[in-house]
Amino acid sequence: MQYNKLSPEEEYVIEQKGTERPFSGRYNDFYEEGIYRCKKCNTALYKSDSKFSSGCGWPSFDDEIKGAVKRVPDKDGRRMEIVCANCKGHLGHVFEGEGFTSKNTRHCVNSISLTFDSKSKCCKNHSIAYFAAGCFWGVEYYFSKLSGVYSIVSGYMGGDIPNPSYEMVCSGMTGHLEAVKVEFDSCEITYEDLVKYFFEIHNFTQENGQGPDIGSQYLSAIFYTSLKQKETAMKVLDQLSEKGYKVATTLYDAKEFYSAEDYHQDYYLKTGKVPYCHSHRKIF
């Protein structure tokens, strides 16, 4: 992966795990709306609504974008380091139990480890896509690896019953499919890239489910939010047909998306397990 060129000062903090002087960083006393990204690889790390003033001299956040920040025990055995989950660049340290916010967590981050995209830029480039490819645990796992994707939510789409539970969806009576909501920066990754990747991480020729998961809730589908998305998906479907594949994936106009229960979110990240019915294979 190609990373951004760092200055000597940035290398000292991000790669050598140094610390900038307190109250000296650009984002210490900074509260514009937008997204904070990793200086080294541009991965989205924090949203502005999680930033708060702790008086410590460094930017403070009480939550990260799901899957974007990794915790690593410090060599001194006392503190917990935080690094970018994508490039492993040093961000700072995380502390719990201080009572600053209701989440009781403080990510103490070096400004020099961050860049910032204002709300106006994020809104301009911010896009959403919906995919169903079997068990949403594995789909979420693979999409979270893509640069330019900064939020993945597992949930349910396609049915007619509002606010379905997992048990209701599993019954096959609601019409919902297990799906993921993918939020991405269209300047970093295109919708077509996402569609092609979607086909590369599951068996889109299987008609009755995905792998060992059999049932209508596990069918392959793309829920498009615009005519442009539909046309892009159809173009990729044509490419697959030209390659000789018999595609079982169905296209639908996006309906209301319902987030799944908390225990389904970031399932593989939480459990340390790996997907059992999804894998990535290069097709395009």
C-alpha atoms as a PDB file:
ATOM      1  CA  MET A   1       0.000   0.000   0.000  1.00  0.00           C
ATOM      2  CA  GLN A   2       1.204   3.505  -0.866  1.00  0.00           C
ATOM      3  CA  TYR A   3       1.424   5.711   2.227  1.00  0.00           C
ATOM      4  CA  ASN A   4       1.730   9.488   2.490  1.00  0.00           C
ATOM      5  CA  LYS A   5       5.213  10.965   2.774  1.00  0.00           C
ATOM      6  CA  LEU A   6       5.881  12.093   6.334  1.00  0.00           C
ATOM      7  CA  SER A   7       8.020  14.943   7.623  1.00  0.00           C
ATOM      8  CA  PRO A   8      10.739  14.156  10.202  1.00  0.00           C
ATOM      9  CA  GLU A   9       8.450  15.441  12.975  1.00  0.00           C
ATOM     10  CA  GLU A  10       5.590  13.253  11.746  1.00  0.00           C
ATOM     11  CA  GLU A  11       7.867  10.219  11.490  1.00  0.00           C
ATOM     12  CA  TYR A  12       8.997  10.783  15.086  1.00  0.00           C
ATOM     13  CA  VAL A  13       5.424  10.556  16.397  1.00  0.00           C
ATOM     14  CA  ILE A  14       3.733   8.206  13.921  1.00  0.00           C
ATOM     15  CA  GLU A  15       6.503   5.689  13.263  1.00  0.00           C
ATOM     16  CA  GLN A  16       8.779   6.057  16.292  1.00  0.00           C
ATOM     17  CA  LYS A  17       5.892   6.420  18.775  1.00  0.00           C
ATOM     18  CA  GLY A  18       6.904   9.847  20.009  1.00  0.00           C
ATOM     19  CA  THR A  19       4.653  12.495  21.565  1.00  0.00           C
ATOM     20  CA  GLU A  20       4.104  16.097  20.534  1.00  0.00           C
ATOM     21  CA  ARG A  21       4.249  18.837  23.168  1.00  0.00           C
ATOM     22  CA  PRO A  22       0.954  19.406  25.022  1.00  0.00           C
ATOM     23  CA  PHE A  23      -1.205  22.316  23.819  1.00  0.00           C
ATOM     24  CA  SER A  24       0.946  22.635  20.688  1.00  0.00           C
ATOM     25  CA  GLY A  25      -1.091  20.573  18.237  1.00  0.00           C
ATOM     26  CA  ARG A  26      -3.401  22.027  15.596  1.00  0.00           C
ATOM     27  CA  TYR A  27      -6.449  20.035  16.714  1.00  0.00           C
ATOM     28  CA  ASN A  28      -6.163  20.468  20.478  1.00  0.00           C
ATOM     29  CA  ASP A  29      -8.557  23.415  20.623  1.00  0.00           C
ATOM     30  CA  PHE A  30     -10.417  22.711  17.401  1.00  0.00           C
ATOM     31  CA  TYR A  31     -14.109  21.833  17.076  1.00  0.00           C
ATOM     32  CA  GLU A  32     -15.228  22.042  13.449  1.00  0.00           C
ATOM     33  CA  GLU A  33     -17.596  19.373  12.116  1.00  0.00           C
ATOM     34  CA  GLY A  34     -16.016  16.677   9.992  1.00  0.00           C
ATOM     35  CA  ILE A  35     -13.863  13.561   9.971  1.00  0.00           C
ATOM     36  CA  TYR A  36     -10.370  13.054  11.422  1.00  0.00           C
ATOM     37  CA  ARG A  37      -8.141  10.797   9.337  1.00  0.00           C
ATOM     38  CA  CYS A  38      -4.794   9.053   9.779  1.00  0.00           C
ATOM     39  CA  LYS A  39      -1.952  11.269   8.551  1.00  0.00           C
ATOM     40  CA  LYS A  40      -0.059   8.258   7.182  1.00  0.00           C
ATOM     41  CA  CYS A  41      -2.751   6.372   5.246  1.00  0.00           C
ATOM     42  CA  ASN A  42      -5.885   8.623   5.201  1.00  0.00           C
ATOM     43  CA  THR A  43      -8.072   6.075   6.999  1.00  0.00           C
ATOM     44  CA  ALA A  44     -11.063   7.730   8.712  1.00  0.00           C
ATOM     45  CA  LEU A  45     -10.503   7.377  12.480  1.00  0.00           C
ATOM     46  CA  TYR A  46     -12.789   9.718  14.404  1.00  0.00           C
ATOM     47  CA  LYS A  47     -15.931  11.766  13.846  1.00  0.00           C
ATOM     48  CA  SER A  48     -16.089  15.298  15.219  1.00  0.00           C
ATOM     49  CA  ASP A  49     -19.097  14.504  17.413  1.00  0.00           C
ATOM     50  CA  SER A  50     -16.888  12.187  19.508  1.00  0.00           C
ATOM     51  CA  LYS A  51     -14.352  14.956  20.264  1.00  0.00           C
ATOM     52  CA  PHE A  52     -14.438  16.738  23.623  1.00  0.00           C
ATOM     53  CA  SER A  53     -12.296  19.026  25.758  1.00  0.00           C
ATOM     54  CA  SER A  54     -10.401  17.218  28.504  1.00  0.00           C
ATOM     55  CA  GLY A  55      -7.859  19.928  29.283  1.00  0.00           C
ATOM     56  CA  CYS A  56      -5.006  17.452  28.835  1.00  0.00           C
ATOM     57  CA  GLY A  57      -3.313  19.341  25.973  1.00  0.00           C
ATOM     58  CA  TRP A  58      -4.024  16.835  23.217  1.00  0.00           C
ATOM     59  CA  PRO A  59      -7.147  16.143  21.127  1.00  0.00           C
ATOM     60  CA  SER A  60      -9.542  13.890  23.042  1.00  0.00           C
ATOM     61  CA  PHE A  61     -12.192  11.538  21.625  1.00  0.00           C
ATOM     62  CA  ASP A  62     -14.555   9.237  23.514  1.00  0.00           C
ATOM     63  CA  ASP A  63     -15.170   6.878  20.583  1.00  0.00           C
ATOM     64  CA  GLU A  64     -13.607   5.829  17.281  1.00  0.00           C
ATOM     65  CA  ILE A  65     -15.072   4.869  13.923  1.00  0.00           C
ATOM     66  CA  LYS A  66     -15.738   1.142  14.195  1.00  0.00           C
ATOM     67  CA  GLY A  67     -12.696  -0.967  13.398  1.00  0.00           C
ATOM     68  CA  ALA A  68     -10.466   2.037  12.637  1.00  0.00           C
ATOM     69  CA  VAL A  69      -8.353   2.087  15.808  1.00  0.00           C
ATOM     70  CA  LYS A  70      -6.442  -0.797  17.353  1.00  0.00           C
ATOM     71  CA  ARG A  71      -5.347  -1.058  20.992  1.00  0.00           C
ATOM     72  CA  VAL A  72      -1.863  -2.361  21.770  1.00  0.00           C
ATOM     73  CA  PRO A  73      -0.450  -2.777  25.308  1.00  0.00           C
ATOM     74  CA  ASP A  74       2.517  -0.441  25.870  1.00  0.00           C
ATOM     75  CA  LYS A  75       5.909  -1.981  26.524  1.00  0.00           C
ATOM     76  CA  ASP A  76       5.907  -0.311  29.935  1.00  0.00           C
ATOM     77  CA  GLY A  77       2.947  -2.521  30.867  1.00  0.00           C
ATOM     78  CA  ARG A  78       0.971   0.429  32.259  1.00  0.00           C
ATOM     79  CA  ARG A  79      -0.694   2.174  29.351  1.00  0.00           C
ATOM     80  CA  MET A  80      -2.680   1.139  26.288  1.00  0.00           C
ATOM     81  CA  GLU A  81      -1.361   2.493  23.006  1.00  0.00           C
ATOM     82  CA  ILE A  82      -3.742   3.244  20.121  1.00  0.00           C
ATOM     83  CA  VAL A  83      -2.683   2.860  16.497  1.00  0.00           C
ATOM     84  CA  CYS A  84      -4.374   3.133  13.122  1.00  0.00           C
ATOM     85  CA  ALA A  85      -5.776  -0.346  12.431  1.00  0.00           C
ATOM     86  CA  ASN A  86      -4.885  -0.013   8.757  1.00  0.00           C
ATOM     87  CA  CYS A  87      -1.242   1.181   8.732  1.00  0.00           C
ATOM     88  CA  LYS A  88      -0.349   0.712  12.455  1.00  0.00           C
ATOM     89  CA  GLY A  89       0.717   4.357  12.712  1.00  0.00           C
ATOM     90  CA  HIS A  90       0.978   5.598  16.316  1.00  0.00           C
ATOM     91  CA  LEU A  91      -1.894   7.829  17.427  1.00  0.00           C
ATOM     92  CA  GLY A  92      -1.503   8.131  21.197  1.00  0.00           C
ATOM     93  CA  HIS A  93      -3.000   6.320  24.178  1.00  0.00           C
ATOM     94  CA  VAL A  94      -6.462   5.430  25.464  1.00  0.00           C
ATOM     95  CA  PHE A  95      -7.649   5.843  29.053  1.00  0.00           C
ATOM     96  CA  GLU A  96     -10.836   4.606  30.729  1.00  0.00           C
ATOM     97  CA  GLY A  97     -12.652   5.381  33.950  1.00  0.00           C
ATOM     98  CA  GLU A  98     -11.931   9.126  34.030  1.00  0.00           C
ATOM     99  CA  GLY A  99     -15.573  10.180  33.792  1.00  0.00           C
ATOM    100  CA  PHE A 100     -15.199  12.926  31.191  1.00  0.00           C
ATOM    101  CA  THR A 101     -18.143  11.668  29.118  1.00  0.00           C
ATOM    102  CA  SER A 102     -20.851   9.039  29.436  1.00  0.00           C
ATOM    103  CA  LYS A 103     -18.678   6.619  27.456  1.00  0.00           C
ATOM    104  CA  ASN A 104     -15.995   6.941  30.149  1.00  0.00           C
ATOM    105  CA  THR A 105     -13.242   6.664  27.541  1.00  0.00           C
ATOM    106  CA  ARG A 106     -10.580   9.125  26.375  1.00  0.00           C
ATOM    107  CA  HIS A 107      -8.523   8.618  23.242  1.00  0.00           C
ATOM    108  CA  CYS A 108      -5.599  10.988  23.779  1.00  0.00           C
ATOM    109  CA  VAL A 109      -4.321  11.593  20.232  1.00  0.00           C
ATOM    110  CA  ASN A 110      -1.412  13.534  18.791  1.00  0.00           C
ATOM    111  CA  SER A 111      -2.616  16.210  16.370  1.00  0.00           C
ATOM    112  CA  ILE A 112       0.345  15.472  14.142  1.00  0.00           C
ATOM    113  CA  SER A 113      -1.011  11.942  13.595  1.00  0.00           C
ATOM    114  CA  LEU A 114      -4.212  13.362  12.104  1.00  0.00           C
ATOM    115  CA  THR A 115      -5.623  15.212   9.124  1.00  0.00           C
ATOM    116  CA  PHE A 116      -9.111  16.701   8.981  1.00  0.00           C
ATOM    117  CA  ASP A 117     -11.872  16.772   6.375  1.00  0.00           C
ATOM    118  CA  SER A 118     -14.509  19.438   6.998  1.00  0.00           C
ATOM    119  CA  LYS A 119     -18.209  18.589   7.004  1.00  0.00           C
ATOM    120  CA  SER A 120     -18.678  20.305   3.648  1.00  0.00           C
ATOM    121  CA  LYS A 121     -16.098  18.044   2.016  1.00  0.00           C
ATOM    122  CA  CYS A 122     -17.389  14.931   3.758  1.00  0.00           C
ATOM    123  CA  CYS A 123     -20.950  15.663   2.660  1.00  0.00           C
ATOM    124  CA  LYS A 124     -19.838  16.239  -0.910  1.00  0.00           C
ATOM    125  CA  ASN A 125     -17.930  12.983  -1.159  1.00  0.00           C
ATOM    126  CA  HIS A 126     -19.915  10.875   1.296  1.00  0.00           C
ATOM    127  CA  SER A 127     -21.830   7.992  -0.275  1.00  0.00           C
ATOM    128  CA  ILE A 128     -23.783   4.956   0.929  1.00  0.00           C
ATOM    129  CA  ALA A 129     -24.168   1.490  -0.561  1.00  0.00           C
ATOM    130  CA  TYR A 130     -26.139  -1.577   0.556  1.00  0.00           C
ATOM    131  CA  PHE A 131     -25.161  -5.184  -0.110  1.00  0.00           C
ATOM    132  CA  ALA A 132     -26.477  -8.621   0.921  1.00  0.00           C
ATOM    133  CA  ALA A 133     -24.149 -11.597   0.543  1.00  0.00           C
ATOM    134  CA  GLY A 134     -25.099 -14.140   3.167  1.00  0.00           C
ATOM    135  CA  CYS A 135     -24.201 -13.833   6.829  1.00  0.00           C
ATOM    136  CA  PHE A 136     -23.501 -10.156   7.444  1.00  0.00           C
ATOM    137  CA  TRP A 137     -20.627 -10.943   9.815  1.00  0.00           C
ATOM    138  CA  GLY A 138     -18.358 -11.982   6.958  1.00  0.00           C
ATOM    139  CA  VAL A 139     -19.520  -9.262   4.579  1.00  0.00           C
ATOM    140  CA  GLU A 140     -18.818  -6.609   7.219  1.00  0.00           C
ATOM    141  CA  TYR A 141     -15.424  -8.179   7.913  1.00  0.00           C
ATOM    142  CA  TYR A 142     -14.237  -7.900   4.319  1.00  0.00           C
ATOM    143  CA  PHE A 143     -15.662  -4.486   3.466  1.00  0.00           C
ATOM    144  CA  SER A 144     -14.031  -3.030   6.581  1.00  0.00           C
ATOM    145  CA  LYS A 145     -10.632  -3.792   5.034  1.00  0.00           C
ATOM    146  CA  LEU A 146     -11.102  -1.367   2.143  1.00  0.00           C
ATOM    147  CA  SER A 147      -9.441   2.041   2.104  1.00  0.00           C
ATOM    148  CA  GLY A 148     -12.073   4.727   1.638  1.00  0.00           C
ATOM    149  CA  VAL A 149     -14.719   2.784   3.571  1.00  0.00           C
ATOM    150  CA  TYR A 150     -15.160   4.319   7.017  1.00  0.00           C
ATOM    151  CA  SER A 151     -18.336   2.778   8.381  1.00  0.00           C
ATOM    152  CA  ILE A 152     -19.961  -0.654   8.082  1.00  0.00           C
ATOM    153  CA  VAL A 153     -23.223  -1.520   9.819  1.00  0.00           C
ATOM    154  CA  SER A 154     -24.806  -4.959   9.789  1.00  0.00           C
ATOM    155  CA  GLY A 155     -28.572  -5.017   9.484  1.00  0.00           C
ATOM    156  CA  TYR A 156     -31.691  -6.048   7.624  1.00  0.00           C
ATOM    157  CA  MET A 157     -33.219  -4.798   4.372  1.00  0.00           C
ATOM    158  CA  GLY A 158     -35.834  -5.803   1.842  1.00  0.00           C
ATOM    159  CA  GLY A 159     -38.747  -6.840   4.041  1.00  0.00           C
ATOM    160  CA  ASP A 160     -42.030  -5.223   4.956  1.00  0.00           C
ATOM    161  CA  ILE A 161     -42.096  -5.592   8.750  1.00  0.00           C
ATOM    162  CA  PRO A 162     -40.601  -2.579  10.593  1.00  0.00           C
ATOM    163  CA  ASN A 163     -37.786  -3.054  13.116  1.00  0.00           C
ATOM    164  CA  PRO A 164     -37.387  -6.817  12.732  1.00  0.00           C
ATOM    165  CA  SER A 165     -35.355  -8.790  15.242  1.00  0.00           C
ATOM    166  CA  TYR A 166     -32.697 -11.327  14.291  1.00  0.00           C
ATOM    167  CA  GLU A 167     -35.031 -14.157  15.300  1.00  0.00           C
ATOM    168  CA  MET A 168     -37.799 -12.766  13.096  1.00  0.00           C
ATOM    169  CA  VAL A 169     -35.497 -12.465  10.093  1.00  0.00           C
ATOM    170  CA  CYS A 170     -34.152 -15.985  10.637  1.00  0.00           C
ATOM    171  CA  SER A 171     -37.697 -17.317  10.456  1.00  0.00           C
ATOM    172  CA  GLY A 172     -37.779 -16.317   6.792  1.00  0.00           C
ATOM    173  CA  MET A 173     -41.215 -14.778   7.246  1.00  0.00           C
ATOM    174  CA  THR A 174     -40.289 -11.069   7.167  1.00  0.00           C
ATOM    175  CA  GLY A 175     -38.785 -10.910   3.682  1.00  0.00           C
ATOM    176  CA  HIS A 176     -35.618  -9.247   4.968  1.00  0.00           C
ATOM    177  CA  LEU A 177     -32.102 -10.162   3.908  1.00  0.00           C
ATOM    178  CA  GLU A 178     -29.062  -9.878   6.116  1.00  0.00           C
ATOM    179  CA  ALA A 179     -27.344  -6.837   4.628  1.00  0.00           C
ATOM    180  CA  VAL A 180     -24.636  -4.267   5.316  1.00  0.00           C
ATOM    181  CA  LYS A 181     -24.717  -0.506   5.038  1.00  0.00           C
ATOM    182  CA  VAL A 182     -21.401   0.718   3.620  1.00  0.00           C
ATOM    183  CA  GLU A 183     -20.481   4.381   4.064  1.00  0.00           C
ATOM    184  CA  PHE A 184     -17.584   5.445   1.869  1.00  0.00           C
ATOM    185  CA  ASP A 185     -15.672   8.392   0.460  1.00  0.00           C
ATOM    186  CA  SER A 186     -16.299   8.393  -3.278  1.00  0.00           C
ATOM    187  CA  CYS A 187     -13.071  10.307  -3.847  1.00  0.00           C
ATOM    188  CA  GLU A 188     -11.087   7.373  -2.448  1.00  0.00           C
ATOM    189  CA  ILE A 189     -13.084   4.405  -3.722  1.00  0.00           C
ATOM    190  CA  THR A 190     -15.806   4.233  -6.373  1.00  0.00           C
ATOM    191  CA  TYR A 191     -19.157   2.508  -6.175  1.00  0.00           C
ATOM    192  CA  GLU A 192     -18.058   0.277  -9.050  1.00  0.00           C
ATOM    193  CA  ASP A 193     -15.017  -0.787  -7.011  1.00  0.00           C
ATOM    194  CA  LEU A 194     -17.342  -1.755  -4.154  1.00  0.00           C
ATOM    195  CA  VAL A 195     -19.651  -3.721  -6.432  1.00  0.00           C
ATOM    196  CA  LYS A 196     -16.756  -5.671  -7.945  1.00  0.00           C
ATOM    197  CA  TYR A 197     -15.349  -6.380  -4.481  1.00  0.00           C
ATOM    198  CA  PHE A 198     -18.799  -7.512  -3.329  1.00  0.00           C
ATOM    199  CA  PHE A 199     -18.777 -10.206  -6.023  1.00  0.00           C
ATOM    200  CA  GLU A 200     -15.246 -11.238  -5.084  1.00  0.00           C
ATOM    201  CA  ILE A 201     -16.047 -12.000  -1.424  1.00  0.00           C
ATOM    202  CA  HIS A 202     -18.980 -14.400  -1.821  1.00  0.00           C
ATOM    203  CA  ASN A 203     -20.399 -17.087  -4.072  1.00  0.00           C
ATOM    204  CA  PHE A 204     -22.794 -15.083  -6.208  1.00  0.00           C
ATOM    205  CA  THR A 205     -23.810 -18.186  -8.181  1.00  0.00           C
ATOM    206  CA  GLN A 206     -25.414 -19.895  -5.177  1.00  0.00           C
ATOM    207  CA  GLU A 207     -29.203 -19.624  -5.330  1.00  0.00           C
ATOM    208  CA  ASN A 208     -30.346 -20.877  -1.911  1.00  0.00           C
ATOM    209  CA  GLY A 209     -28.106 -18.995   0.514  1.00  0.00           C
ATOM    210  CA  GLN A 210     -24.411 -18.614   1.099  1.00  0.00           C
ATOM    211  CA  GLY A 211     -22.131 -21.528   1.875  1.00  0.00           C
ATOM    212  CA  PRO A 212     -23.657 -23.602   4.676  1.00  0.00           C
ATOM    213  CA  ASP A 213     -26.141 -20.828   5.539  1.00  0.00           C
ATOM    214  CA  ILE A 214     -29.319 -21.774   3.713  1.00  0.00           C
ATOM    215  CA  GLY A 215     -32.420 -19.600   3.640  1.00  0.00           C
ATOM    216  CA  SER A 216     -34.018 -16.576   2.016  1.00  0.00           C
ATOM    217  CA  GLN A 217     -32.313 -14.200   4.457  1.00  0.00           C
ATOM    218  CA  TYR A 218     -28.909 -15.251   3.096  1.00  0.00           C
ATOM    219  CA  LEU A 219     -29.530 -14.557  -0.603  1.00  0.00           C
ATOM    220  CA  SER A 220     -27.216 -12.402  -2.710  1.00  0.00           C
ATOM    221  CA  ALA A 221     -28.542  -8.928  -3.550  1.00  0.00           C
ATOM    222  CA  ILE A 222     -27.576  -5.351  -4.287  1.00  0.00           C
ATOM    223  CA  PHE A 223     -29.863  -2.583  -3.050  1.00  0.00           C
ATOM    224  CA  TYR A 224     -29.247   0.494  -5.196  1.00  0.00           C
ATOM    225  CA  THR A 225     -29.986   4.036  -3.989  1.00  0.00           C
ATOM    226  CA  SER A 226     -29.979   5.762  -7.389  1.00  0.00           C
ATOM    227  CA  LEU A 227     -30.309   5.087 -11.105  1.00  0.00           C
ATOM    228  CA  LYS A 228     -26.563   5.573 -11.431  1.00  0.00           C
ATOM    229  CA  GLN A 229     -25.889   2.849  -8.857  1.00  0.00           C
ATOM    230  CA  LYS A 230     -28.323   0.538 -10.645  1.00  0.00           C
ATOM    231  CA  GLU A 231     -26.632   1.130 -14.008  1.00  0.00           C
ATOM    232  CA  THR A 232     -23.203   0.497 -12.470  1.00  0.00           C
ATOM    233  CA  ALA A 233     -24.360  -2.760 -10.868  1.00  0.00           C
ATOM    234  CA  MET A 234     -25.916  -3.920 -14.143  1.00  0.00           C
ATOM    235  CA  LYS A 235     -22.687  -3.151 -15.997  1.00  0.00           C
ATOM    236  CA  VAL A 236     -20.719  -5.348 -13.593  1.00  0.00           C
ATOM    237  CA  LEU A 237     -23.347  -8.097 -13.882  1.00  0.00           C
ATOM    238  CA  ASP A 238     -22.889  -8.010 -17.657  1.00  0.00           C
ATOM    239  CA  GLN A 239     -19.131  -8.342 -17.214  1.00  0.00           C
ATOM    240  CA  LEU A 240     -19.620 -11.422 -15.048  1.00  0.00           C
ATOM    241  CA  SER A 241     -21.965 -12.959 -17.613  1.00  0.00           C
ATOM    242  CA  GLU A 242     -19.357 -12.352 -20.294  1.00  0.00           C
ATOM    243  CA  LYS A 243     -16.864 -14.233 -18.116  1.00  0.00           C
ATOM    244  CA  GLY A 244     -19.214 -17.227 -18.134  1.00  0.00           C
ATOM    245  CA  TYR A 245     -20.730 -16.902 -14.657  1.00  0.00           C
ATOM    246  CA  LYS A 246     -24.382 -17.686 -13.966  1.00  0.00           C
ATOM    247  CA  VAL A 247     -25.181 -14.919 -11.501  1.00  0.00           C
ATOM    248  CA  ALA A 248     -27.861 -15.441  -8.844  1.00  0.00           C
ATOM    249  CA  THR A 249     -27.574 -11.918  -7.424  1.00  0.00           C
ATOM    250  CA  THR A 250     -30.750  -9.825  -7.566  1.00  0.00           C
ATOM    251  CA  LEU A 251     -30.989  -6.028  -7.822  1.00  0.00           C
ATOM    252  CA  TYR A 252     -33.526  -4.131  -5.722  1.00  0.00           C
ATOM    253  CA  ASP A 253     -34.422  -0.522  -5.097  1.00  0.00           C
ATOM    254  CA  ALA A 254     -33.162   0.266  -1.584  1.00  0.00           C
ATOM    255  CA  LYS A 255     -35.803   0.133   1.150  1.00  0.00           C
ATOM    256  CA  GLU A 256     -35.496   1.100   4.790  1.00  0.00           C
ATOM    257  CA  PHE A 257     -32.411  -0.345   6.460  1.00  0.00           C
ATOM    258  CA  TYR A 258     -32.667  -1.588  10.045  1.00  0.00           C
ATOM    259  CA  SER A 259     -29.484  -1.950  12.093  1.00  0.00           C
ATOM    260  CA  ALA A 260     -28.981  -5.364  13.635  1.00  0.00           C
ATOM    261  CA  GLU A 261     -28.561  -5.920  17.360  1.00  0.00           C
ATOM    262  CA  ASP A 262     -25.319  -4.668  18.949  1.00  0.00           C
ATOM    263  CA  TYR A 263     -23.834  -8.132  19.366  1.00  0.00           C
ATOM    264  CA  HIS A 264     -23.850  -8.557  15.582  1.00  0.00           C
ATOM    265  CA  GLN A 265     -21.767  -5.427  14.939  1.00  0.00           C
ATOM    266  CA  ASP A 266     -18.008  -6.007  14.429  1.00  0.00           C
ATOM    267  CA  TYR A 267     -18.586  -9.652  15.282  1.00  0.00           C
ATOM    268  CA  TYR A 268     -15.257 -10.996  14.028  1.00  0.00           C
ATOM    269  CA  LEU A 269     -13.342  -8.057  15.467  1.00  0.00           C
ATOM    270  CA  LYS A 270     -14.901  -8.729  18.872  1.00  0.00           C
ATOM    271  CA  THR A 271     -14.467 -12.498  18.842  1.00  0.00           C
ATOM    272  CA  GLY A 272     -11.115 -12.785  17.069  1.00  0.00           C
ATOM    273  CA  LYS A 273     -12.603 -15.428  14.789  1.00  0.00           C
ATOM    274  CA  VAL A 274     -12.502 -15.441  10.981  1.00  0.00           C
ATOM    275  CA  PRO A 275     -15.349 -15.779   8.432  1.00  0.00           C
ATOM    276  CA  TYR A 276     -16.458 -19.350   7.780  1.00  0.00           C
ATOM    277  CA  CYS A 277     -18.399 -18.808   4.544  1.00  0.00           C
ATOM    278  CA  HIS A 278     -16.684 -15.810   2.961  1.00  0.00           C
ATOM    279  CA  SER A 279     -13.272 -15.358   1.385  1.00  0.00           C
ATOM    280  CA  HIS A 280     -11.705 -13.020  -1.132  1.00  0.00           C
ATOM    281  CA  ARG A 281     -10.792 -14.208  -4.613  1.00  0.00           C
ATOM    282  CA  LYS A 282      -9.713 -11.960  -7.475  1.00  0.00           C
ATOM    283  CA  ILE A 283     -12.142 -11.897 -10.409  1.00  0.00           C
ATOM    284  CA  PHE A 284     -11.733  -8.470 -11.984  1.00  0.00           C
END
